[in-house]
Amino acid sequence: NGSGTADVVQFASPVWYVKEDEKKISIRVIRIGKLVGPASVEYRTLDGSAKAGLKYENTKGTLKFEAGEIVKQFDVAVIDDDAFDTTVEFQVILEKSSNCALPYNGNVCRVLILDDDTFPSNDFEEAINEENAEEALHARGIPLLWSFIVFTWSHVPDIKKRSIMSMFLAQLGNFYYLLTI
């Protein structure tokens, strides 16, 4: 930019929060320096515990700052599903800058997605919000247990396979008993 030192382009915050039902997050990028001439930087998302296509839409693009421009922003779509998840996150990375510098720590930010669903299933949201929630949930014992099992089997790695293996091995004793009668 002719000034001897390049402007710095970085995220306005190192951490961003979005509620799942907001469906998108706007991320701001700032330019610090003399703001002389154009500058550009590319951005892209990177999976963390949140996976593209499941919790957010993979996003990439280029931000082009004109002379004198300080702030640019872009949106990342968040997927509002009906499945409970803990708070999950992904990263956004700034790279391939032109006529500007990227700081060591300011070129990566984290985006945390706060889930809006009820554990273990949205089917129990009314019961949980009732004045006598404990009694309401107790009355729905078996369906609540089944929802917990389904949630666990689909969200905890290897638990489904290990549960089936345990049930199978437990039945081998019964099979042996039947053979020896």
Protein backbone atom coordinates (compact mmCIF):
# COMPACT_ATOMS: atom_id res chain seq x y z
CA ASN A 1 0.00 0.00 0.00
CA GLY A 2 3.00 2.24 -0.34
CA SER A 3 3.22 3.13 3.35
CA GLY A 4 6.06 0.77 4.22
CA THR A 5 3.85 -1.33 6.52
CA ALA A 6 0.85 -3.31 5.41
CA ASP A 7 -2.57 -2.87 6.94
CA VAL A 8 -3.66 -5.72 9.21
CA VAL A 9 -6.86 -7.63 8.46
CA GLN A 10 -8.31 -9.78 11.23
CA PHE A 11 -11.56 -10.98 12.77
CA ALA A 12 -13.38 -8.44 14.91
CA SER A 13 -13.66 -11.14 17.62
CA PRO A 14 -11.82 -14.43 18.17
CA VAL A 15 -15.07 -16.17 19.25
CA TRP A 16 -18.60 -15.87 17.84
CA TYR A 17 -21.81 -17.34 19.25
CA VAL A 18 -24.98 -18.22 17.37
CA LYS A 19 -28.20 -19.90 18.48
CA GLU A 20 -29.17 -22.72 16.17
CA ASP A 21 -32.61 -21.21 15.49
CA GLU A 22 -31.04 -17.94 14.24
CA LYS A 23 -30.12 -19.89 11.07
CA LYS A 24 -27.04 -17.78 10.27
CA ILE A 25 -24.19 -15.85 11.80
CA SER A 26 -22.66 -12.66 10.43
CA ILE A 27 -18.91 -12.57 10.98
CA ARG A 28 -17.13 -9.23 10.84
CA VAL A 29 -13.58 -8.74 9.62
CA ILE A 30 -11.74 -5.50 10.30
CA ARG A 31 -8.91 -3.69 8.57
CA ILE A 32 -6.47 -1.75 10.72
CA GLY A 33 -3.88 0.64 9.32
CA LYS A 34 -3.68 3.55 6.93
CA LEU A 35 -6.47 2.13 4.71
CA VAL A 36 -4.74 3.33 1.55
CA GLY A 37 -5.59 1.34 -1.59
CA PRO A 38 -7.50 -1.90 -1.94
CA ALA A 39 -6.83 -5.06 0.08
CA SER A 40 -8.36 -8.51 -0.02
CA VAL A 41 -8.39 -11.73 1.95
CA GLU A 42 -9.98 -15.15 1.44
CA TYR A 43 -12.00 -16.91 4.12
CA ARG A 44 -13.19 -20.49 4.59
CA THR A 45 -14.86 -22.61 7.25
CA LEU A 46 -13.22 -25.63 8.86
CA ASP A 47 -14.96 -28.43 10.76
CA GLY A 48 -14.55 -28.84 14.49
CA SER A 49 -17.14 -30.69 16.54
CA ALA A 50 -19.71 -29.08 14.19
CA LYS A 51 -19.67 -30.75 10.78
CA ALA A 52 -20.42 -28.93 7.53
CA GLY A 53 -23.68 -30.12 6.03
CA LEU A 54 -24.98 -31.23 9.43
CA LYS A 55 -24.72 -28.17 11.70
CA TYR A 56 -23.60 -25.39 9.32
CA GLU A 57 -23.05 -24.81 5.60
CA ASN A 58 -19.48 -24.93 4.32
CA THR A 59 -18.64 -21.35 3.31
CA LYS A 60 -15.74 -19.72 1.48
CA GLY A 61 -15.17 -16.50 -0.37
CA THR A 62 -13.13 -13.35 -0.76
CA LEU A 63 -13.51 -10.05 1.08
CA LYS A 64 -12.40 -7.03 -0.94
CA PHE A 65 -11.68 -3.84 0.99
CA GLU A 66 -11.63 -0.60 -0.99
CA ALA A 67 -9.47 2.33 0.12
CA GLY A 68 -10.82 3.69 3.40
CA GLU A 69 -13.03 0.65 4.19
CA ILE A 70 -12.66 -0.63 7.73
CA VAL A 71 -15.23 -3.42 8.15
CA LYS A 72 -16.55 -6.22 5.95
CA GLN A 73 -18.80 -9.08 6.93
CA PHE A 74 -20.02 -12.37 5.55
CA ASP A 75 -22.68 -14.86 6.63
CA VAL A 76 -22.38 -18.54 7.45
CA ALA A 77 -25.66 -20.48 7.37
CA VAL A 78 -26.45 -22.54 10.48
CA ILE A 79 -28.62 -25.66 10.10
CA ASP A 80 -31.53 -25.73 12.53
CA ASP A 81 -32.26 -29.41 13.08
CA ASP A 82 -34.52 -31.10 15.62
CA ALA A 83 -31.82 -33.24 17.22
CA PHE A 84 -30.24 -32.30 20.55
CA ASP A 85 -26.51 -31.60 20.49
CA THR A 86 -24.23 -30.08 23.03
CA THR A 87 -22.66 -26.78 22.02
CA VAL A 88 -20.60 -27.52 18.92
CA GLU A 89 -18.10 -25.38 17.07
CA PHE A 90 -16.30 -24.80 13.81
CA GLN A 91 -13.53 -22.43 12.75
CA VAL A 92 -13.27 -19.74 10.13
CA ILE A 93 -9.86 -19.05 8.64
CA LEU A 94 -8.54 -15.95 6.86
CA GLU A 95 -5.81 -16.69 4.31
CA LYS A 96 -4.27 -15.63 1.00
CA SER A 97 -4.16 -11.92 1.76
CA SER A 98 -3.36 -9.30 -0.85
CA ASN A 99 -2.00 -5.84 0.10
CA CYS A 100 -2.51 -6.58 3.79
CA ALA A 101 -1.06 -8.72 6.55
CA LEU A 102 -2.77 -11.41 8.64
CA PRO A 103 -1.81 -11.47 12.33
CA TYR A 104 -0.59 -14.68 13.91
CA ASN A 105 -3.68 -15.18 16.10
CA GLY A 106 -6.22 -12.95 14.38
CA ASN A 107 -6.61 -15.05 11.24
CA VAL A 108 -8.65 -17.81 12.94
CA CYS A 109 -11.90 -17.52 14.86
CA ARG A 110 -14.18 -20.03 16.53
CA VAL A 111 -17.94 -20.12 16.01
CA LEU A 112 -19.96 -21.84 18.75
CA ILE A 113 -23.44 -23.07 17.86
CA LEU A 114 -25.78 -23.12 20.86
CA ASP A 115 -28.40 -25.83 20.43
CA ASP A 116 -32.09 -25.01 20.94
CA ASP A 117 -33.38 -28.58 21.22
CA THR A 118 -34.45 -30.56 24.28
CA PHE A 119 -32.48 -33.54 25.62
CA PRO A 120 -32.95 -36.36 24.66
CA SER A 121 -35.77 -35.41 22.26
CA ASN A 122 -38.02 -32.45 21.52
CA ASP A 123 -40.96 -34.80 22.21
CA PHE A 124 -40.48 -34.06 25.93
CA GLU A 125 -40.18 -30.26 25.78
CA GLU A 126 -43.71 -29.66 27.09
CA ALA A 127 -43.23 -32.07 29.99
CA ILE A 128 -39.91 -30.46 30.94
CA ASN A 129 -41.50 -27.00 30.94
CA GLU A 130 -44.47 -28.02 33.09
CA GLU A 131 -44.68 -26.82 36.68
CA ASN A 132 -44.42 -30.41 37.95
CA ALA A 133 -41.81 -31.50 35.41
CA GLU A 134 -40.53 -34.42 37.47
CA GLU A 135 -44.00 -35.97 37.72
CA ALA A 136 -44.72 -35.31 34.04
CA LEU A 137 -41.48 -37.00 32.99
CA HIS A 138 -42.02 -39.89 35.40
CA ALA A 139 -45.41 -40.51 33.77
CA ARG A 140 -43.62 -40.82 30.41
CA GLY A 141 -40.96 -43.20 31.75
CA ILE A 142 -40.70 -45.85 28.99
CA PRO A 143 -40.87 -43.43 26.03
CA LEU A 144 -38.33 -41.19 27.79
CA LEU A 145 -35.99 -44.16 28.35
CA TRP A 146 -36.39 -45.24 24.73
CA SER A 147 -35.57 -41.72 23.50
CA PHE A 148 -32.47 -41.72 25.68
CA ILE A 149 -31.36 -45.09 24.24
CA VAL A 150 -31.94 -43.91 20.66
CA PHE A 151 -30.06 -40.67 21.36
CA THR A 152 -27.14 -42.53 22.94
CA TRP A 153 -26.92 -45.09 20.15
CA SER A 154 -26.83 -42.38 17.51
CA HIS A 155 -24.47 -39.93 19.27
CA VAL A 156 -21.94 -41.98 21.26
CA PRO A 157 -19.30 -43.70 19.11
CA ASP A 158 -19.23 -47.52 19.34
CA ILE A 159 -21.98 -47.79 21.98
CA LYS A 160 -24.44 -49.44 19.59
CA LYS A 161 -21.92 -52.06 18.50
CA ARG A 162 -20.78 -52.73 22.08
CA SER A 163 -24.36 -52.97 23.38
CA ILE A 164 -25.31 -55.53 20.73
CA MET A 165 -22.11 -57.49 21.45
CA SER A 166 -22.88 -57.49 25.20
CA MET A 167 -26.43 -58.73 24.60
CA PHE A 168 -25.16 -61.45 22.27
CA LEU A 169 -22.50 -62.62 24.73
CA ALA A 170 -25.02 -62.62 27.59
CA GLN A 171 -27.22 -64.98 25.56
CA LEU A 172 -24.36 -67.46 24.99
CA GLY A 173 -24.77 -68.61 28.60
CA ASN A 174 -28.44 -69.30 27.97
CA PHE A 175 -27.60 -71.14 24.75
CA TYR A 176 -25.04 -73.30 26.59
CA TYR A 177 -27.65 -74.06 29.28
CA LEU A 178 -30.15 -75.20 26.63
CA LEU A 179 -27.54 -77.48 25.04
CA THR A 180 -26.71 -79.15 28.34
CA ILE A 181 -30.24 -79.87 29.58
